[in-house]
Structures are given as structure tokens and as C-alpha cells.
Amino acid sequence: MSDATTRTPSSGAARIVTLVGATVLIATQTIAASVAGGWAIAGFLGLGEYVAYALEAVGLGLGVWAVTAFVRSALKNDPALRRG
């Protein structure tokens, strides 16, 4: 088996590109699922259009919060970005 499968990106630029790619993937999935969850709950319970919008907004806020927490954690733990 080749060592290429176990290597991690060594340059700072490669780590940043990986972080950006992971952030885009996680952001789209998390925010879409959060908004869709609000829509589904409102539709299932028959809560009406405006309540659906409110639940979607709450889901959007939770999704943005989760993505922000992920990015902060990733930046804090990335050795390429550590100073000192």
C-alpha cells in the first residue's frame, strides 16, 4: 500500500484549502437540514405559513451557529495557523 493514502497536507495552503472545502460541505448540509427541519415540523403539525417561516429562521440561526462553532474549532486546532 502506498504512503499517499496516509499523508496529511504538509503546506499551510493545502490545509487552508482542505478547511475551506470541509467548511463549505458542512455549511451547506447543516444549514439546509436545519431549514428543512423547520419546514417539515411546521408542515407536519399544520402550523401555517408564517410559523413555518419562523421555524425555518430558527433553524437557519442554529445552522449558522453550528457552522461558526465548527470553523472556530477548526481554526483553533489547525497547526498551520498556530502562531508562536
PDB file of N, CA and C in Angstrom:
ATOM      1  N   MET A   1       0.837  -1.168   0.000  1.00  0.00           N
ATOM      2  CA  MET A   1       0.000   0.000   0.000  1.00  0.00           C
ATOM      3  C   MET A   1       0.889   1.241   0.000  1.00  0.00           C
ATOM      4  N   SER A   2       0.443   2.261  -0.642  1.00  0.00           N
ATOM      5  CA  SER A   2       1.226   3.477  -0.807  1.00  0.00           C
ATOM      6  C   SER A   2       1.100   4.388   0.419  1.00  0.00           C
ATOM      7  N   ASP A   3       2.141   5.187   0.649  1.00  0.00           N
ATOM      8  CA  ASP A   3       2.096   6.166   1.729  1.00  0.00           C
ATOM      9  C   ASP A   3       1.179   7.336   1.406  1.00  0.00           C
ATOM     10  N   ALA A   4       0.788   7.472   0.152  1.00  0.00           N
ATOM     11  CA  ALA A   4      -0.043   8.609  -0.263  1.00  0.00           C
ATOM     12  C   ALA A   4      -1.416   8.589   0.415  1.00  0.00           C
ATOM     13  N   THR A   5      -1.875   7.424   0.801  1.00  0.00           N
ATOM     14  CA  THR A   5      -3.201   7.353   1.412  1.00  0.00           C
ATOM     15  C   THR A   5      -3.194   7.793   2.873  1.00  0.00           C
ATOM     16  N   THR A   6      -2.014   7.799   3.510  1.00  0.00           N
ATOM     17  CA  THR A   6      -1.944   8.154   4.919  1.00  0.00           C
ATOM     18  C   THR A   6      -1.341   9.526   5.159  1.00  0.00           C
ATOM     19  N   ARG A   7      -0.915  10.201   4.121  1.00  0.00           N
ATOM     20  CA  ARG A   7      -0.303  11.519   4.288  1.00  0.00           C
ATOM     21  C   ARG A   7      -1.344  12.577   4.568  1.00  0.00           C
ATOM     22  N   THR A   8      -0.925  13.585   5.311  1.00  0.00           N
ATOM     23  CA  THR A   8      -1.764  14.753   5.527  1.00  0.00           C
ATOM     24  C   THR A   8      -1.139  15.914   4.775  1.00  0.00           C
ATOM     25  N   PRO A   9      -1.933  16.914   4.428  1.00  0.00           N
ATOM     26  CA  PRO A   9      -1.355  18.057   3.725  1.00  0.00           C
ATOM     27  C   PRO A   9      -0.270  18.715   4.570  1.00  0.00           C
ATOM     28  N   SER A  10       0.907  18.941   3.960  1.00  0.00           N
ATOM     29  CA  SER A  10       2.026  19.471   4.730  1.00  0.00           C
ATOM     30  C   SER A  10       2.130  20.994   4.650  1.00  0.00           C
ATOM     31  N   SER A  11       1.679  21.571   3.571  1.00  0.00           N
ATOM     32  CA  SER A  11       1.797  23.018   3.455  1.00  0.00           C
ATOM     33  C   SER A  11       0.589  23.707   4.068  1.00  0.00           C
ATOM     34  N   GLY A  12       0.805  24.935   4.485  1.00  0.00           N
ATOM     35  CA  GLY A  12      -0.286  25.709   5.062  1.00  0.00           C
ATOM     36  C   GLY A  12      -1.400  25.949   4.065  1.00  0.00           C
ATOM     37  N   ALA A  13      -1.034  26.161   2.791  1.00  0.00           N
ATOM     38  CA  ALA A  13      -2.044  26.425   1.765  1.00  0.00           C
ATOM     39  C   ALA A  13      -2.939  25.207   1.556  1.00  0.00           C
ATOM     40  N   ALA A  14      -2.353  24.030   1.568  1.00  0.00           N
ATOM     41  CA  ALA A  14      -3.153  22.815   1.389  1.00  0.00           C
ATOM     42  C   ALA A  14      -4.104  22.623   2.566  1.00  0.00           C
ATOM     43  N   ARG A  15      -3.654  22.949   3.761  1.00  0.00           N
ATOM     44  CA  ARG A  15      -4.518  22.822   4.929  1.00  0.00           C
ATOM     45  C   ARG A  15      -5.672  23.818   4.865  1.00  0.00           C
ATOM     46  N   ILE A  16      -5.388  25.021   4.388  1.00  0.00           N
ATOM     47  CA  ILE A  16      -6.443  26.031   4.268  1.00  0.00           C
ATOM     48  C   ILE A  16      -7.468  25.606   3.225  1.00  0.00           C
ATOM     49  N   VAL A  17      -7.008  25.082   2.101  1.00  0.00           N
ATOM     50  CA  VAL A  17      -7.928  24.619   1.060  1.00  0.00           C
ATOM     51  C   VAL A  17      -8.796  23.489   1.598  1.00  0.00           C
ATOM     52  N   THR A  18      -8.203  22.581   2.359  1.00  0.00           N
ATOM     53  CA  THR A  18      -8.969  21.495   2.960  1.00  0.00           C
ATOM     54  C   THR A  18     -10.000  22.033   3.943  1.00  0.00           C
ATOM     55  N   LEU A  19      -9.602  22.994   4.749  1.00  0.00           N
ATOM     56  CA  LEU A  19     -10.522  23.595   5.716  1.00  0.00           C
ATOM     57  C   LEU A  19     -11.669  24.305   5.013  1.00  0.00           C
ATOM     58  N   VAL A  20     -11.380  25.041   3.965  1.00  0.00           N
ATOM     59  CA  VAL A  20     -12.436  25.736   3.226  1.00  0.00           C
ATOM     60  C   VAL A  20     -13.388  24.735   2.580  1.00  0.00           C
ATOM     61  N   GLY A  21     -12.850  23.681   1.993  1.00  0.00           N
ATOM     62  CA  GLY A  21     -13.694  22.656   1.387  1.00  0.00           C
ATOM     63  C   GLY A  21     -14.597  21.979   2.401  1.00  0.00           C
ATOM     64  N   ALA A  22     -14.039  21.629   3.551  1.00  0.00           N
ATOM     65  CA  ALA A  22     -14.837  20.998   4.603  1.00  0.00           C
ATOM     66  C   ALA A  22     -15.893  21.962   5.124  1.00  0.00           C
ATOM     67  N   THR A  23     -15.533  23.230   5.249  1.00  0.00           N
ATOM     68  CA  THR A  23     -16.490  24.224   5.742  1.00  0.00           C
ATOM     69  C   THR A  23     -17.653  24.398   4.773  1.00  0.00           C
ATOM     70  N   VAL A  24     -17.367  24.450   3.491  1.00  0.00           N
ATOM     71  CA  VAL A  24     -18.442  24.594   2.508  1.00  0.00           C
ATOM     72  C   VAL A  24     -19.368  23.385   2.554  1.00  0.00           C
ATOM     73  N   LEU A  25     -18.795  22.205   2.618  1.00  0.00           N
ATOM     74  CA  LEU A  25     -19.608  20.992   2.670  1.00  0.00           C
ATOM     75  C   LEU A  25     -20.464  20.958   3.933  1.00  0.00           C
ATOM     76  N   ILE A  26     -19.853  21.193   5.064  1.00  0.00           N
ATOM     77  CA  ILE A  26     -20.577  21.142   6.334  1.00  0.00           C
ATOM     78  C   ILE A  26     -21.612  22.255   6.418  1.00  0.00           C
ATOM     79  N   ALA A  27     -21.272  23.443   5.924  1.00  0.00           N
ATOM     80  CA  ALA A  27     -22.215  24.568   5.980  1.00  0.00           C
ATOM     81  C   ALA A  27     -23.461  24.285   5.149  1.00  0.00           C
ATOM     82  N   THR A  28     -23.285  23.808   3.935  1.00  0.00           N
ATOM     83  CA  THR A  28     -24.461  23.570   3.094  1.00  0.00           C
ATOM     84  C   THR A  28     -25.341  22.472   3.673  1.00  0.00           C
ATOM     85  N   GLN A  29     -24.736  21.412   4.155  1.00  0.00           N
ATOM     86  CA  GLN A  29     -25.521  20.310   4.707  1.00  0.00           C
ATOM     87  C   GLN A  29     -26.231  20.720   5.997  1.00  0.00           C
ATOM     88  N   THR A  30     -25.520  21.395   6.880  1.00  0.00           N
ATOM     89  CA  THR A  30     -26.085  21.768   8.176  1.00  0.00           C
ATOM     90  C   THR A  30     -27.201  22.793   8.035  1.00  0.00           C
ATOM     91  N   ILE A  31     -26.958  23.825   7.257  1.00  0.00           N
ATOM     92  CA  ILE A  31     -27.961  24.875   7.109  1.00  0.00           C
ATOM     93  C   ILE A  31     -29.182  24.358   6.348  1.00  0.00           C
ATOM     94  N   ALA A  32     -28.962  23.571   5.306  1.00  0.00           N
ATOM     95  CA  ALA A  32     -30.101  23.019   4.562  1.00  0.00           C
ATOM     96  C   ALA A  32     -30.935  22.097   5.440  1.00  0.00           C
ATOM     97  N   ALA A  33     -30.281  21.265   6.230  1.00  0.00           N
ATOM     98  CA  ALA A  33     -31.026  20.360   7.110  1.00  0.00           C
ATOM     99  C   ALA A  33     -31.773  21.129   8.189  1.00  0.00           C
ATOM    100  N   SER A  34     -31.183  22.179   8.701  1.00  0.00           N
ATOM    101  CA  SER A  34     -31.844  22.978   9.738  1.00  0.00           C
ATOM    102  C   SER A  34     -33.091  23.674   9.206  1.00  0.00           C
ATOM    103  N   VAL A  35     -32.977  24.273   8.042  1.00  0.00           N
ATOM    104  CA  VAL A  35     -34.124  24.967   7.444  1.00  0.00           C
ATOM    105  C   VAL A  35     -35.195  23.956   7.038  1.00  0.00           C
ATOM    106  N   ALA A  36     -34.784  22.841   6.466  1.00  0.00           N
ATOM    107  CA  ALA A  36     -35.744  21.819   6.064  1.00  0.00           C
ATOM    108  C   ALA A  36     -36.452  21.221   7.277  1.00  0.00           C
ATOM    109  N   GLY A  37     -35.752  21.117   8.385  1.00  0.00           N
ATOM    110  CA  GLY A  37     -36.379  20.616   9.603  1.00  0.00           C
ATOM    111  C   GLY A  37     -37.496  21.527  10.081  1.00  0.00           C
ATOM    112  N   GLY A  38     -37.257  22.828  10.039  1.00  0.00           N
ATOM    113  CA  GLY A  38     -38.309  23.779  10.415  1.00  0.00           C
ATOM    114  C   GLY A  38     -39.508  23.695   9.493  1.00  0.00           C
ATOM    115  N   TRP A  39     -39.252  23.570   8.205  1.00  0.00           N
ATOM    116  CA  TRP A  39     -40.327  23.435   7.223  1.00  0.00           C
ATOM    117  C   TRP A  39     -41.121  22.152   7.466  1.00  0.00           C
ATOM    118  N   ALA A  40     -40.408  21.056   7.738  1.00  0.00           N
ATOM    119  CA  ALA A  40     -41.069  19.761   7.930  1.00  0.00           C
ATOM    120  C   ALA A  40     -41.914  19.747   9.202  1.00  0.00           C
ATOM    121  N   ILE A  41     -41.387  20.314  10.268  1.00  0.00           N
ATOM    122  CA  ILE A  41     -42.148  20.346  11.525  1.00  0.00           C
ATOM    123  C   ILE A  41     -43.417  21.164  11.351  1.00  0.00           C
ATOM    124  N   ALA A  42     -43.292  22.331  10.734  1.00  0.00           N
ATOM    125  CA  ALA A  42     -44.470  23.180  10.537  1.00  0.00           C
ATOM    126  C   ALA A  42     -45.486  22.507   9.609  1.00  0.00           C
ATOM    127  N   GLY A  43     -45.018  21.863   8.575  1.00  0.00           N
ATOM    128  CA  GLY A  43     -45.932  21.171   7.667  1.00  0.00           C
ATOM    129  C   GLY A  43     -46.611  19.978   8.310  1.00  0.00           C
ATOM    130  N   PHE A  44     -45.845  19.211   9.084  1.00  0.00           N
ATOM    131  CA  PHE A  44     -46.405  18.026   9.733  1.00  0.00           C
ATOM    132  C   PHE A  44     -47.472  18.395  10.763  1.00  0.00           C
ATOM    133  N   LEU A  45     -47.218  19.455  11.496  1.00  0.00           N
ATOM    134  CA  LEU A  45     -48.152  19.865  12.538  1.00  0.00           C
ATOM    135  C   LEU A  45     -49.227  20.827  12.030  1.00  0.00           C
ATOM    136  N   GLY A  46     -49.145  21.226  10.759  1.00  0.00           N
ATOM    137  CA  GLY A  46     -50.136  22.125  10.182  1.00  0.00           C
ATOM    138  C   GLY A  46     -50.144  23.487  10.839  1.00  0.00           C
ATOM    139  N   LEU A  47     -48.971  24.056  11.073  1.00  0.00           N
ATOM    140  CA  LEU A  47     -48.863  25.297  11.831  1.00  0.00           C
ATOM    141  C   LEU A  47     -49.031  26.561  10.992  1.00  0.00           C
ATOM    142  N   GLY A  48     -49.090  26.447   9.704  1.00  0.00           N
ATOM    143  CA  GLY A  48     -49.294  27.614   8.861  1.00  0.00           C
ATOM    144  C   GLY A  48     -47.997  28.154   8.274  1.00  0.00           C
ATOM    145  N   GLU A  49     -48.190  29.045   7.320  1.00  0.00           N
ATOM    146  CA  GLU A  49     -47.066  29.563   6.549  1.00  0.00           C
ATOM    147  C   GLU A  49     -46.123  30.422   7.387  1.00  0.00           C
ATOM    148  N   TYR A  50     -46.665  31.308   8.195  1.00  0.00           N
ATOM    149  CA  TYR A  50     -45.811  32.224   8.956  1.00  0.00           C
ATOM    150  C   TYR A  50     -45.048  31.518  10.069  1.00  0.00           C
ATOM    151  N   VAL A  51     -45.681  30.537  10.687  1.00  0.00           N
ATOM    152  CA  VAL A  51     -44.978  29.747  11.699  1.00  0.00           C
ATOM    153  C   VAL A  51     -43.874  28.933  11.031  1.00  0.00           C
ATOM    154  N   ALA A  52     -44.125  28.452   9.830  1.00  0.00           N
ATOM    155  CA  ALA A  52     -43.097  27.724   9.082  1.00  0.00           C
ATOM    156  C   ALA A  52     -41.902  28.632   8.824  1.00  0.00           C
ATOM    157  N   TYR A  53     -42.168  29.870   8.432  1.00  0.00           N
ATOM    158  CA  TYR A  53     -41.062  30.816   8.217  1.00  0.00           C
ATOM    159  C   TYR A  53     -40.283  31.058   9.508  1.00  0.00           C
ATOM    160  N   ALA A  54     -41.010  31.174  10.607  1.00  0.00           N
ATOM    161  CA  ALA A  54     -40.348  31.405  11.894  1.00  0.00           C
ATOM    162  C   ALA A  54     -39.484  30.202  12.281  1.00  0.00           C
ATOM    163  N   LEU A  55     -40.000  28.988  12.110  1.00  0.00           N
ATOM    164  CA  LEU A  55     -39.215  27.796  12.430  1.00  0.00           C
ATOM    165  C   LEU A  55     -38.013  27.644  11.494  1.00  0.00           C
ATOM    166  N   GLU A  56     -38.189  28.020  10.235  1.00  0.00           N
ATOM    167  CA  GLU A  56     -37.062  27.992   9.301  1.00  0.00           C
ATOM    168  C   GLU A  56     -35.998  29.001   9.716  1.00  0.00           C
ATOM    169  N   ALA A  57     -36.426  30.160  10.187  1.00  0.00           N
ATOM    170  CA  ALA A  57     -35.466  31.172  10.642  1.00  0.00           C
ATOM    171  C   ALA A  57     -34.705  30.679  11.874  1.00  0.00           C
ATOM    172  N   VAL A  58     -35.412  30.025  12.782  1.00  0.00           N
ATOM    173  CA  VAL A  58     -34.756  29.450  13.961  1.00  0.00           C
ATOM    174  C   VAL A  58     -33.764  28.382  13.523  1.00  0.00           C
ATOM    175  N   GLY A  59     -34.168  27.541  12.587  1.00  0.00           N
ATOM    176  CA  GLY A  59     -33.271  26.516  12.060  1.00  0.00           C
ATOM    177  C   GLY A  59     -32.061  27.110  11.379  1.00  0.00           C
ATOM    178  N   LEU A  60     -32.281  28.196  10.641  1.00  0.00           N
ATOM    179  CA  LEU A  60     -31.161  28.878   9.992  1.00  0.00           C
ATOM    180  C   LEU A  60     -30.189  29.413  11.025  1.00  0.00           C
ATOM    181  N   GLY A  61     -30.716  30.018  12.081  1.00  0.00           N
ATOM    182  CA  GLY A  61     -29.843  30.520  13.143  1.00  0.00           C
ATOM    183  C   GLY A  61     -29.038  29.410  13.796  1.00  0.00           C
ATOM    184  N   LEU A  62     -29.694  28.286  14.078  1.00  0.00           N
ATOM    185  CA  LEU A  62     -28.977  27.152  14.664  1.00  0.00           C
ATOM    186  C   LEU A  62     -27.925  26.596  13.713  1.00  0.00           C
ATOM    187  N   GLY A  63     -28.250  26.543  12.434  1.00  0.00           N
ATOM    188  CA  GLY A  63     -27.287  26.053  11.445  1.00  0.00           C
ATOM    189  C   GLY A  63     -26.069  26.957  11.331  1.00  0.00           C
ATOM    190  N   VAL A  64     -26.304  28.261  11.309  1.00  0.00           N
ATOM    191  CA  VAL A  64     -25.185  29.211  11.241  1.00  0.00           C
ATOM    192  C   VAL A  64     -24.341  29.125  12.504  1.00  0.00           C
ATOM    193  N   TRP A  65     -24.990  28.972  13.655  1.00  0.00           N
ATOM    194  CA  TRP A  65     -24.251  28.816  14.905  1.00  0.00           C
ATOM    195  C   TRP A  65     -23.370  27.566  14.872  1.00  0.00           C
ATOM    196  N   ALA A  66     -23.913  26.451  14.375  1.00  0.00           N
ATOM    197  CA  ALA A  66     -23.145  25.203  14.313  1.00  0.00           C
ATOM    198  C   ALA A  66     -21.959  25.320  13.362  1.00  0.00           C
ATOM    199  N   VAL A  67     -22.155  25.963  12.229  1.00  0.00           N
ATOM    200  CA  VAL A  67     -21.058  26.135  11.278  1.00  0.00           C
ATOM    201  C   VAL A  67     -19.987  27.058  11.858  1.00  0.00           C
ATOM    202  N   THR A  68     -20.409  28.119  12.530  1.00  0.00           N
ATOM    203  CA  THR A  68     -19.449  29.027  13.158  1.00  0.00           C
ATOM    204  C   THR A  68     -18.645  28.311  14.227  1.00  0.00           C
ATOM    205  N   ALA A  69     -19.301  27.468  15.009  1.00  0.00           N
ATOM    206  CA  ALA A  69     -18.586  26.686  16.027  1.00  0.00           C
ATOM    207  C   ALA A  69     -17.582  25.744  15.379  1.00  0.00           C
ATOM    208  N   PHE A  70     -17.955  25.130  14.264  1.00  0.00           N
ATOM    209  CA  PHE A  70     -17.032  24.246  13.553  1.00  0.00           C
ATOM    210  C   PHE A  70     -15.814  25.003  13.047  1.00  0.00           C
ATOM    211  N   VAL A  71     -16.038  26.152  12.428  1.00  0.00           N
ATOM    212  CA  VAL A  71     -14.927  26.928  11.866  1.00  0.00           C
ATOM    213  C   VAL A  71     -13.996  27.409  12.981  1.00  0.00           C
ATOM    214  N   ARG A  72     -14.553  27.894  14.069  1.00  0.00           N
ATOM    215  CA  ARG A  72     -13.704  28.339  15.184  1.00  0.00           C
ATOM    216  C   ARG A  72     -12.874  27.200  15.740  1.00  0.00           C
ATOM    217  N   SER A  73     -13.483  26.042  15.889  1.00  0.00           N
ATOM    218  CA  SER A  73     -12.758  24.880  16.403  1.00  0.00           C
ATOM    219  C   SER A  73     -11.675  24.439  15.421  1.00  0.00           C
ATOM    220  N   ALA A  74     -11.990  24.437  14.143  1.00  0.00           N
ATOM    221  CA  ALA A  74     -11.012  24.029  13.141  1.00  0.00           C
ATOM    222  C   ALA A  74      -9.840  24.998  13.083  1.00  0.00           C
ATOM    223  N   LEU A  75     -10.120  26.284  13.152  1.00  0.00           N
ATOM    224  CA  LEU A  75      -9.043  27.272  13.120  1.00  0.00           C
ATOM    225  C   LEU A  75      -8.188  27.201  14.380  1.00  0.00           C
ATOM    226  N   LYS A  76      -8.819  26.936  15.510  1.00  0.00           N
ATOM    227  CA  LYS A  76      -8.079  26.847  16.765  1.00  0.00           C
ATOM    228  C   LYS A  76      -7.150  25.637  16.796  1.00  0.00           C
ATOM    229  N   ASN A  77      -7.570  24.545  16.168  1.00  0.00           N
ATOM    230  CA  ASN A  77      -6.808  23.308  16.235  1.00  0.00           C
ATOM    231  C   ASN A  77      -5.909  23.048  15.033  1.00  0.00           C
ATOM    232  N   ASP A  78      -5.903  23.932  14.055  1.00  0.00           N
ATOM    233  CA  ASP A  78      -5.067  23.729  12.870  1.00  0.00           C
ATOM    234  C   ASP A  78      -3.633  24.143  13.170  1.00  0.00           C
ATOM    235  N   PRO A  79      -2.684  23.218  13.082  1.00  0.00           N
ATOM    236  CA  PRO A  79      -1.293  23.554  13.409  1.00  0.00           C
ATOM    237  C   PRO A  79      -0.676  24.559  12.432  1.00  0.00           C
ATOM    238  N   ALA A  80      -1.182  24.634  11.228  1.00  0.00           N
ATOM    239  CA  ALA A  80      -0.618  25.575  10.256  1.00  0.00           C
ATOM    240  C   ALA A  80      -0.952  27.010  10.611  1.00  0.00           C
ATOM    241  N   LEU A  81      -1.998  27.214  11.385  1.00  0.00           N
ATOM    242  CA  LEU A  81      -2.434  28.567  11.713  1.00  0.00           C
ATOM    243  C   LEU A  81      -1.993  29.011  13.097  1.00  0.00           C
ATOM    244  N   ARG A  82      -1.358  28.122  13.835  1.00  0.00           N
ATOM    245  CA  ARG A  82      -0.897  28.494  15.171  1.00  0.00           C
ATOM    246  C   ARG A  82       0.275  29.439  15.077  1.00  0.00           C
ATOM    247  N   ARG A  83       0.259  30.409  15.925  1.00  0.00           N
ATOM    248  CA  ARG A  83       1.339  31.405  15.940  1.00  0.00           C
ATOM    249  C   ARG A  83       2.264  31.110  17.113  1.00  0.00           C
ATOM    250  N   GLY A  84       3.509  31.433  16.896  1.00  0.00           N
ATOM    251  CA  GLY A  84       4.428  31.292  18.008  1.00  0.00           C
ATOM    252  C   GLY A  84       5.491  30.289  17.825  1.00  0.00           C
TER     253      GLY A  84
END
